[in-house]
Amino acid sequence: MVVVNANVSNVSTIERIFIDTPPKSAVMVTRQNRCPESKKMNTPEAMNESDFHARVDALLAELEDAIDEVDADIDTEATAGILTLTFANATKVIINRQTATREVWVAAQSGGFHFRFDGAAWRDTRSNEQLDLLLSRVISMQSGCVVAVSLS
């Protein structure tokens, strides 16, 4: 359950919901709602290796070109399936391919993330967040500039 803009009059109602709901049920609901689509994601076998490499190569090239166009102090370096973004504050975001699992991995100051292509978008295997949304968030946070990443 997510509460946005809860005011004092709602507190007793919210407390009652949690008191009346057995903790086991609350945990199950949370898990089901956390990532409902994750089980529907394509498995690594769904994309052959050459398709995976072509898709990731295009993704990394698109990201590198787009970031080079951004009016922010972000250096890009692409080498052998790894795109490294280096920011003015010396922090980095590293985006790389993991062929064995057919995933794209992102290492950022806020943590590590694994993305699998679901047929339409790259999605985090834990949270189901789309890659472009995560990149927008971590690049903005680490660069100090608002950066919106949109993948086609």
N, C-alpha and C. Protein backbone atom coordinates (compact mmCIF):
# COMPACT_ATOMS: atom_id res chain seq x y z
N MET A 1 0.84 -1.18 0.00
CA MET A 1 0.00 0.00 0.00
C MET A 1 0.88 1.23 0.00
N VAL A 2 0.63 2.14 -0.91
CA VAL A 2 1.37 3.39 -0.97
C VAL A 2 0.44 4.52 -0.60
N VAL A 3 0.86 5.36 0.33
CA VAL A 3 0.06 6.49 0.74
C VAL A 3 0.79 7.76 0.33
N VAL A 4 0.15 8.55 -0.49
CA VAL A 4 0.71 9.83 -0.90
C VAL A 4 -0.17 10.92 -0.32
N ASN A 5 0.45 11.91 0.29
CA ASN A 5 -0.28 13.02 0.89
C ASN A 5 -1.25 12.58 1.97
N ALA A 6 -0.81 11.71 2.85
CA ALA A 6 -1.67 11.30 3.95
C ALA A 6 -1.78 12.45 4.94
N ASN A 7 -2.99 12.71 5.42
CA ASN A 7 -3.14 13.75 6.44
C ASN A 7 -3.49 13.09 7.76
N VAL A 8 -3.51 13.85 8.83
CA VAL A 8 -3.70 13.32 10.18
C VAL A 8 -5.03 12.58 10.31
N SER A 9 -6.08 13.02 9.65
CA SER A 9 -7.38 12.36 9.79
C SER A 9 -7.37 10.94 9.22
N ASN A 10 -6.45 10.65 8.30
CA ASN A 10 -6.38 9.31 7.72
C ASN A 10 -5.54 8.34 8.53
N VAL A 11 -4.79 8.84 9.52
CA VAL A 11 -3.86 7.99 10.24
C VAL A 11 -4.56 6.84 10.93
N SER A 12 -5.68 7.08 11.62
CA SER A 12 -6.36 5.98 12.31
C SER A 12 -6.87 4.94 11.33
N THR A 13 -7.34 5.36 10.17
CA THR A 13 -7.82 4.41 9.15
C THR A 13 -6.65 3.56 8.66
N ILE A 14 -5.52 4.19 8.37
CA ILE A 14 -4.36 3.46 7.89
C ILE A 14 -3.86 2.49 8.95
N GLU A 15 -3.80 2.92 10.21
CA GLU A 15 -3.37 2.04 11.29
C GLU A 15 -4.30 0.84 11.39
N ARG A 16 -5.61 1.06 11.27
CA ARG A 16 -6.58 -0.04 11.35
C ARG A 16 -6.35 -1.04 10.22
N ILE A 17 -6.07 -0.55 9.04
CA ILE A 17 -5.84 -1.47 7.92
C ILE A 17 -4.69 -2.41 8.24
N PHE A 18 -3.59 -1.87 8.78
CA PHE A 18 -2.45 -2.70 9.10
C PHE A 18 -2.69 -3.57 10.32
N ILE A 19 -3.45 -3.10 11.29
CA ILE A 19 -3.75 -3.89 12.48
C ILE A 19 -4.68 -5.04 12.11
N ASP A 20 -5.69 -4.78 11.28
CA ASP A 20 -6.67 -5.80 10.93
C ASP A 20 -6.16 -6.79 9.89
N THR A 21 -5.09 -6.47 9.20
CA THR A 21 -4.56 -7.35 8.16
C THR A 21 -3.44 -8.19 8.74
N PRO A 22 -3.54 -9.50 8.64
CA PRO A 22 -2.45 -10.33 9.15
C PRO A 22 -1.15 -10.01 8.40
N PRO A 23 -0.04 -9.93 9.11
CA PRO A 23 1.23 -9.58 8.47
C PRO A 23 1.58 -10.48 7.29
N LYS A 24 1.26 -11.77 7.35
CA LYS A 24 1.59 -12.68 6.26
C LYS A 24 0.88 -12.24 4.96
N SER A 25 -0.39 -11.86 5.05
CA SER A 25 -1.13 -11.41 3.88
C SER A 25 -0.55 -10.12 3.32
N ALA A 26 -0.17 -9.21 4.20
CA ALA A 26 0.38 -7.94 3.75
C ALA A 26 1.66 -8.16 2.97
N VAL A 27 2.50 -9.08 3.44
CA VAL A 27 3.75 -9.36 2.74
C VAL A 27 3.47 -9.97 1.38
N MET A 28 2.51 -10.89 1.30
CA MET A 28 2.19 -11.52 0.02
C MET A 28 1.69 -10.49 -0.99
N VAL A 29 0.84 -9.59 -0.57
CA VAL A 29 0.31 -8.56 -1.46
C VAL A 29 1.45 -7.67 -1.94
N THR A 30 2.35 -7.31 -1.02
CA THR A 30 3.48 -6.47 -1.40
C THR A 30 4.33 -7.16 -2.45
N ARG A 31 4.61 -8.42 -2.27
CA ARG A 31 5.43 -9.13 -3.24
C ARG A 31 4.72 -9.23 -4.58
N GLN A 32 3.44 -9.50 -4.58
CA GLN A 32 2.70 -9.62 -5.84
C GLN A 32 2.68 -8.29 -6.57
N ASN A 33 2.53 -7.19 -5.86
CA ASN A 33 2.45 -5.89 -6.50
C ASN A 33 3.81 -5.30 -6.84
N ARG A 34 4.87 -5.82 -6.23
CA ARG A 34 6.19 -5.24 -6.45
C ARG A 34 6.63 -5.37 -7.90
N CYS A 35 6.44 -6.52 -8.50
CA CYS A 35 6.93 -6.75 -9.84
C CYS A 35 6.02 -7.76 -10.55
N PRO A 36 4.78 -7.39 -10.82
CA PRO A 36 3.83 -8.35 -11.35
C PRO A 36 4.20 -8.90 -12.73
N GLU A 37 4.93 -8.17 -13.52
CA GLU A 37 5.25 -8.61 -14.87
C GLU A 37 6.55 -9.40 -14.95
N SER A 38 7.33 -9.48 -13.87
CA SER A 38 8.66 -10.06 -13.96
C SER A 38 8.64 -11.52 -14.42
N LYS A 39 7.64 -12.28 -14.05
CA LYS A 39 7.57 -13.67 -14.45
C LYS A 39 7.23 -13.81 -15.94
N LYS A 40 6.69 -12.75 -16.54
CA LYS A 40 6.31 -12.80 -17.95
C LYS A 40 7.46 -12.40 -18.87
N MET A 41 8.59 -11.96 -18.29
CA MET A 41 9.69 -11.53 -19.12
C MET A 41 10.26 -12.70 -19.90
N ASN A 42 10.78 -12.40 -21.08
CA ASN A 42 11.40 -13.43 -21.88
C ASN A 42 12.60 -14.00 -21.15
N THR A 43 12.81 -15.29 -21.34
CA THR A 43 13.98 -15.92 -20.75
C THR A 43 15.17 -15.65 -21.66
N PRO A 44 16.40 -15.88 -21.17
CA PRO A 44 17.56 -15.64 -22.01
C PRO A 44 17.52 -16.41 -23.33
N GLU A 45 16.88 -17.57 -23.35
CA GLU A 45 16.81 -18.37 -24.57
C GLU A 45 15.91 -17.75 -25.63
N ALA A 46 15.06 -16.80 -25.25
CA ALA A 46 14.11 -16.21 -26.18
C ALA A 46 14.79 -15.35 -27.24
N MET A 47 16.01 -14.91 -27.00
CA MET A 47 16.73 -14.08 -27.96
C MET A 47 18.06 -14.79 -28.22
N ASN A 48 18.35 -15.07 -29.50
CA ASN A 48 19.62 -15.73 -29.76
C ASN A 48 20.78 -14.76 -29.56
N GLU A 49 21.98 -15.29 -29.52
CA GLU A 49 23.15 -14.48 -29.17
C GLU A 49 23.41 -13.35 -30.17
N SER A 50 23.28 -13.63 -31.46
CA SER A 50 23.55 -12.57 -32.44
C SER A 50 22.51 -11.46 -32.37
N ASP A 51 21.25 -11.82 -32.15
CA ASP A 51 20.20 -10.80 -31.97
C ASP A 51 20.48 -9.96 -30.72
N PHE A 52 20.88 -10.64 -29.64
CA PHE A 52 21.20 -9.95 -28.40
C PHE A 52 22.33 -8.94 -28.61
N HIS A 53 23.42 -9.39 -29.24
CA HIS A 53 24.56 -8.50 -29.48
C HIS A 53 24.17 -7.32 -30.36
N ALA A 54 23.38 -7.56 -31.39
CA ALA A 54 22.94 -6.48 -32.29
C ALA A 54 22.09 -5.47 -31.52
N ARG A 55 21.18 -5.97 -30.70
CA ARG A 55 20.30 -5.09 -29.94
C ARG A 55 21.08 -4.27 -28.92
N VAL A 56 22.02 -4.89 -28.22
CA VAL A 56 22.81 -4.18 -27.22
C VAL A 56 23.78 -3.19 -27.88
N ASP A 57 24.39 -3.60 -29.00
CA ASP A 57 25.28 -2.67 -29.72
C ASP A 57 24.53 -1.41 -30.13
N ALA A 58 23.32 -1.59 -30.66
CA ALA A 58 22.49 -0.44 -31.06
C ALA A 58 22.12 0.41 -29.84
N LEU A 59 21.77 -0.24 -28.74
CA LEU A 59 21.41 0.47 -27.51
C LEU A 59 22.58 1.31 -27.00
N LEU A 60 23.76 0.71 -26.90
CA LEU A 60 24.92 1.43 -26.39
C LEU A 60 25.33 2.58 -27.30
N ALA A 61 25.26 2.35 -28.62
CA ALA A 61 25.59 3.43 -29.56
C ALA A 61 24.59 4.57 -29.46
N GLU A 62 23.30 4.23 -29.35
CA GLU A 62 22.26 5.25 -29.21
C GLU A 62 22.45 6.06 -27.93
N LEU A 63 22.76 5.36 -26.82
CA LEU A 63 22.99 6.05 -25.55
C LEU A 63 24.21 6.96 -25.64
N GLU A 64 25.30 6.45 -26.21
CA GLU A 64 26.52 7.25 -26.31
C GLU A 64 26.27 8.51 -27.13
N ASP A 65 25.60 8.36 -28.28
CA ASP A 65 25.31 9.53 -29.13
C ASP A 65 24.42 10.54 -28.41
N ALA A 66 23.40 10.04 -27.74
CA ALA A 66 22.46 10.93 -27.05
C ALA A 66 23.13 11.67 -25.90
N ILE A 67 23.97 10.97 -25.14
CA ILE A 67 24.62 11.59 -24.00
C ILE A 67 25.65 12.61 -24.46
N ASP A 68 26.30 12.33 -25.59
CA ASP A 68 27.24 13.31 -26.14
C ASP A 68 26.55 14.61 -26.52
N GLU A 69 25.25 14.56 -26.82
CA GLU A 69 24.48 15.74 -27.20
C GLU A 69 23.99 16.55 -25.99
N VAL A 70 24.02 15.93 -24.80
CA VAL A 70 23.50 16.57 -23.59
C VAL A 70 24.43 17.71 -23.16
N ASP A 71 23.81 18.81 -22.73
CA ASP A 71 24.58 19.97 -22.27
C ASP A 71 24.92 19.79 -20.80
N ALA A 72 25.73 18.77 -20.53
CA ALA A 72 26.18 18.50 -19.16
C ALA A 72 27.59 17.95 -19.26
N ASP A 73 28.32 18.03 -18.17
CA ASP A 73 29.71 17.56 -18.16
C ASP A 73 29.73 16.05 -17.91
N ILE A 74 29.46 15.29 -18.99
CA ILE A 74 29.45 13.82 -18.92
C ILE A 74 30.36 13.31 -20.02
N ASP A 75 31.41 12.59 -19.64
CA ASP A 75 32.30 11.98 -20.63
C ASP A 75 31.84 10.56 -20.88
N THR A 76 31.86 10.15 -22.14
CA THR A 76 31.48 8.78 -22.49
C THR A 76 32.67 8.05 -23.07
N GLU A 77 32.74 6.76 -22.77
CA GLU A 77 33.77 5.91 -23.34
C GLU A 77 33.14 4.54 -23.61
N ALA A 78 33.19 4.11 -24.87
CA ALA A 78 32.63 2.82 -25.25
C ALA A 78 33.77 1.88 -25.66
N THR A 79 33.79 0.71 -25.03
CA THR A 79 34.81 -0.28 -25.33
C THR A 79 34.24 -1.67 -25.16
N ALA A 80 34.27 -2.47 -26.22
CA ALA A 80 33.92 -3.90 -26.16
C ALA A 80 32.64 -4.19 -25.38
N GLY A 81 31.55 -3.52 -25.74
CA GLY A 81 30.27 -3.79 -25.09
C GLY A 81 30.09 -3.16 -23.73
N ILE A 82 30.94 -2.19 -23.40
CA ILE A 82 30.83 -1.49 -22.12
C ILE A 82 30.80 0.00 -22.41
N LEU A 83 29.79 0.68 -21.89
CA LEU A 83 29.69 2.14 -22.00
C LEU A 83 29.88 2.72 -20.61
N THR A 84 30.92 3.55 -20.47
CA THR A 84 31.22 4.17 -19.18
C THR A 84 30.92 5.65 -19.27
N LEU A 85 30.10 6.13 -18.36
CA LEU A 85 29.79 7.55 -18.24
C LEU A 85 30.54 8.07 -17.02
N THR A 86 31.35 9.10 -17.22
CA THR A 86 32.10 9.69 -16.12
C THR A 86 31.63 11.12 -15.94
N PHE A 87 31.31 11.47 -14.70
CA PHE A 87 30.74 12.77 -14.38
C PHE A 87 31.80 13.69 -13.77
N ALA A 88 31.51 14.98 -13.72
CA ALA A 88 32.44 15.98 -13.20
C ALA A 88 32.86 15.69 -11.77
N ASN A 89 31.99 15.04 -11.00
CA ASN A 89 32.30 14.72 -9.60
C ASN A 89 33.07 13.40 -9.47
N ALA A 90 33.56 12.88 -10.59
CA ALA A 90 34.37 11.65 -10.66
C ALA A 90 33.58 10.36 -10.42
N THR A 91 32.26 10.44 -10.32
CA THR A 91 31.46 9.21 -10.21
C THR A 91 31.23 8.66 -11.61
N LYS A 92 30.83 7.40 -11.67
CA LYS A 92 30.63 6.74 -12.96
C LYS A 92 29.33 5.95 -12.97
N VAL A 93 28.81 5.79 -14.17
CA VAL A 93 27.75 4.83 -14.44
C VAL A 93 28.31 3.93 -15.53
N ILE A 94 28.25 2.62 -15.30
CA ILE A 94 28.78 1.67 -16.26
C ILE A 94 27.63 0.81 -16.76
N ILE A 95 27.49 0.75 -18.08
CA ILE A 95 26.43 -0.02 -18.73
C ILE A 95 27.12 -1.08 -19.58
N ASN A 96 26.83 -2.34 -19.32
CA ASN A 96 27.49 -3.39 -20.09
C ASN A 96 26.58 -4.58 -20.36
N ARG A 97 26.99 -5.38 -21.32
CA ARG A 97 26.23 -6.57 -21.71
C ARG A 97 26.68 -7.77 -20.89
N GLN A 98 25.74 -8.65 -20.62
CA GLN A 98 26.02 -9.94 -20.01
C GLN A 98 25.42 -10.99 -20.93
N THR A 99 26.25 -11.50 -21.83
CA THR A 99 25.77 -12.39 -22.89
C THR A 99 25.14 -13.66 -22.35
N ALA A 100 25.75 -14.28 -21.36
CA ALA A 100 25.25 -15.56 -20.84
C ALA A 100 23.81 -15.47 -20.36
N THR A 101 23.44 -14.34 -19.76
CA THR A 101 22.09 -14.18 -19.24
C THR A 101 21.20 -13.34 -20.15
N ARG A 102 21.77 -12.84 -21.26
CA ARG A 102 21.07 -11.96 -22.21
C ARG A 102 20.52 -10.73 -21.48
N GLU A 103 21.36 -10.15 -20.65
CA GLU A 103 20.98 -8.98 -19.86
C GLU A 103 21.92 -7.81 -20.10
N VAL A 104 21.42 -6.62 -19.80
CA VAL A 104 22.22 -5.42 -19.75
C VAL A 104 22.33 -5.07 -18.27
N TRP A 105 23.56 -4.86 -17.82
CA TRP A 105 23.79 -4.52 -16.41
C TRP A 105 24.19 -3.07 -16.31
N VAL A 106 23.70 -2.42 -15.27
CA VAL A 106 24.03 -1.02 -14.99
C VAL A 106 24.59 -0.95 -13.58
N ALA A 107 25.78 -0.36 -13.48
CA ALA A 107 26.38 -0.10 -12.16
C ALA A 107 26.38 1.41 -11.97
N ALA A 108 25.77 1.86 -10.89
CA ALA A 108 25.67 3.29 -10.60
C ALA A 108 25.98 3.49 -9.12
N GLN A 109 26.08 4.74 -8.74
CA GLN A 109 26.34 5.06 -7.34
C GLN A 109 25.25 4.47 -6.44
N SER A 110 24.02 4.40 -6.93
CA SER A 110 22.90 3.92 -6.13
C SER A 110 22.76 2.40 -6.12
N GLY A 111 23.57 1.69 -6.90
CA GLY A 111 23.51 0.23 -6.88
C GLY A 111 23.69 -0.40 -8.24
N GLY A 112 23.52 -1.72 -8.28
CA GLY A 112 23.63 -2.48 -9.51
C GLY A 112 22.26 -2.95 -9.96
N PHE A 113 22.04 -2.96 -11.28
CA PHE A 113 20.73 -3.29 -11.84
C PHE A 113 20.91 -4.20 -13.05
N HIS A 114 20.02 -5.18 -13.20
CA HIS A 114 20.06 -6.12 -14.31
C HIS A 114 18.79 -5.95 -15.13
N PHE A 115 18.95 -5.79 -16.45
CA PHE A 115 17.81 -5.57 -17.35
C PHE A 115 17.73 -6.66 -18.39
N ARG A 116 16.51 -7.13 -18.63
CA ARG A 116 16.25 -8.14 -19.64
C ARG A 116 15.21 -7.58 -20.60
N PHE A 117 15.38 -7.85 -21.88
CA PHE A 117 14.45 -7.37 -22.89
C PHE A 117 13.19 -8.22 -22.85
N ASP A 118 12.02 -7.58 -22.75
CA ASP A 118 10.75 -8.31 -22.64
C ASP A 118 9.98 -8.35 -23.96
N GLY A 119 10.62 -7.97 -25.04
CA GLY A 119 9.95 -7.93 -26.34
C GLY A 119 9.58 -6.52 -26.74
N ALA A 120 9.50 -5.62 -25.76
CA ALA A 120 9.16 -4.21 -26.03
C ALA A 120 10.15 -3.25 -25.39
N ALA A 121 10.70 -3.61 -24.23
CA ALA A 121 11.58 -2.69 -23.50
C ALA A 121 12.54 -3.49 -22.63
N TRP A 122 13.64 -2.85 -22.26
CA TRP A 122 14.56 -3.44 -21.28
C TRP A 122 14.00 -3.14 -19.90
N ARG A 123 13.78 -4.20 -19.08
CA ARG A 123 13.18 -4.05 -17.76
C ARG A 123 14.06 -4.67 -16.68
N ASP A 124 14.13 -3.98 -15.55
CA ASP A 124 14.88 -4.47 -14.40
C ASP A 124 14.28 -5.80 -13.95
N THR A 125 15.14 -6.78 -13.73
CA THR A 125 14.65 -8.11 -13.37
C THR A 125 14.08 -8.18 -11.96
N ARG A 126 14.35 -7.17 -11.13
CA ARG A 126 13.80 -7.16 -9.77
C ARG A 126 12.61 -6.22 -9.64
N SER A 127 12.73 -5.01 -10.16
CA SER A 127 11.68 -4.01 -9.94
C SER A 127 10.75 -3.81 -11.14
N ASN A 128 11.15 -4.33 -12.30
CA ASN A 128 10.39 -4.17 -13.55
C ASN A 128 10.49 -2.74 -14.11
N GLU A 129 11.34 -1.90 -13.52
CA GLU A 129 11.52 -0.53 -14.01
C GLU A 129 12.18 -0.58 -15.38
N GLN A 130 11.76 0.31 -16.26
CA GLN A 130 12.35 0.37 -17.59
C GLN A 130 13.74 1.00 -17.53
N LEU A 131 14.61 0.56 -18.43
CA LEU A 131 15.99 1.03 -18.47
C LEU A 131 16.08 2.54 -18.64
N ASP A 132 15.27 3.11 -19.53
CA ASP A 132 15.37 4.55 -19.76
C ASP A 132 14.99 5.35 -18.51
N LEU A 133 14.03 4.87 -17.74
CA LEU A 133 13.65 5.57 -16.50
C LEU A 133 14.77 5.50 -15.46
N LEU A 134 15.37 4.32 -15.33
CA LEU A 134 16.47 4.19 -14.38
C LEU A 134 17.64 5.07 -14.80
N LEU A 135 18.00 5.05 -16.08
CA LEU A 135 19.12 5.86 -16.55
C LEU A 135 18.83 7.35 -16.34
N SER A 136 17.61 7.78 -16.59
CA SER A 136 17.25 9.18 -16.35
C SER A 136 17.50 9.54 -14.89
N ARG A 137 17.10 8.66 -14.01
CA ARG A 137 17.24 8.90 -12.57
C ARG A 137 18.70 8.93 -12.13
N VAL A 138 19.48 7.90 -12.50
CA VAL A 138 20.85 7.83 -12.00
C VAL A 138 21.75 8.86 -12.66
N ILE A 139 21.54 9.14 -13.95
CA ILE A 139 22.36 10.15 -14.62
C ILE A 139 22.05 11.53 -14.05
N SER A 140 20.78 11.82 -13.82
CA SER A 140 20.41 13.11 -13.22
C SER A 140 21.02 13.26 -11.84
N MET A 141 20.94 12.20 -11.06
CA MET A 141 21.46 12.24 -9.69
C MET A 141 22.98 12.44 -9.70
N GLN A 142 23.68 11.73 -10.54
CA GLN A 142 25.13 11.79 -10.51
C GLN A 142 25.70 13.00 -11.24
N SER A 143 24.96 13.53 -12.21
CA SER A 143 25.46 14.69 -12.96
C SER A 143 25.06 16.01 -12.31
N GLY A 144 24.00 15.99 -11.51
CA GLY A 144 23.49 17.22 -10.93
C GLY A 144 22.64 18.03 -11.90
N CYS A 145 22.37 17.46 -13.08
CA CYS A 145 21.52 18.09 -14.10
C CYS A 145 20.32 17.18 -14.34
N VAL A 146 19.20 17.76 -14.72
CA VAL A 146 18.04 16.95 -15.06
C VAL A 146 18.26 16.39 -16.46
N VAL A 147 18.34 15.08 -16.56
CA VAL A 147 18.57 14.41 -17.83
C VAL A 147 17.46 13.38 -18.03
N ALA A 148 16.77 13.46 -19.15
CA ALA A 148 15.72 12.50 -19.47
C ALA A 148 16.20 11.61 -20.60
N VAL A 149 16.24 10.31 -20.36
CA VAL A 149 16.66 9.34 -21.36
C VAL A 149 15.40 8.70 -21.93
N SER A 150 15.31 8.67 -23.24
CA SER A 150 14.18 8.03 -23.89
C SER A 150 14.72 7.07 -24.95
N LEU A 151 14.43 5.80 -24.80
CA LEU A 151 14.91 4.79 -25.75
C LEU A 151 13.82 4.46 -26.74
N SER A 152 14.21 4.35 -28.00
CA SER A 152 13.22 4.02 -29.04
C SER A 152 13.08 2.53 -29.21
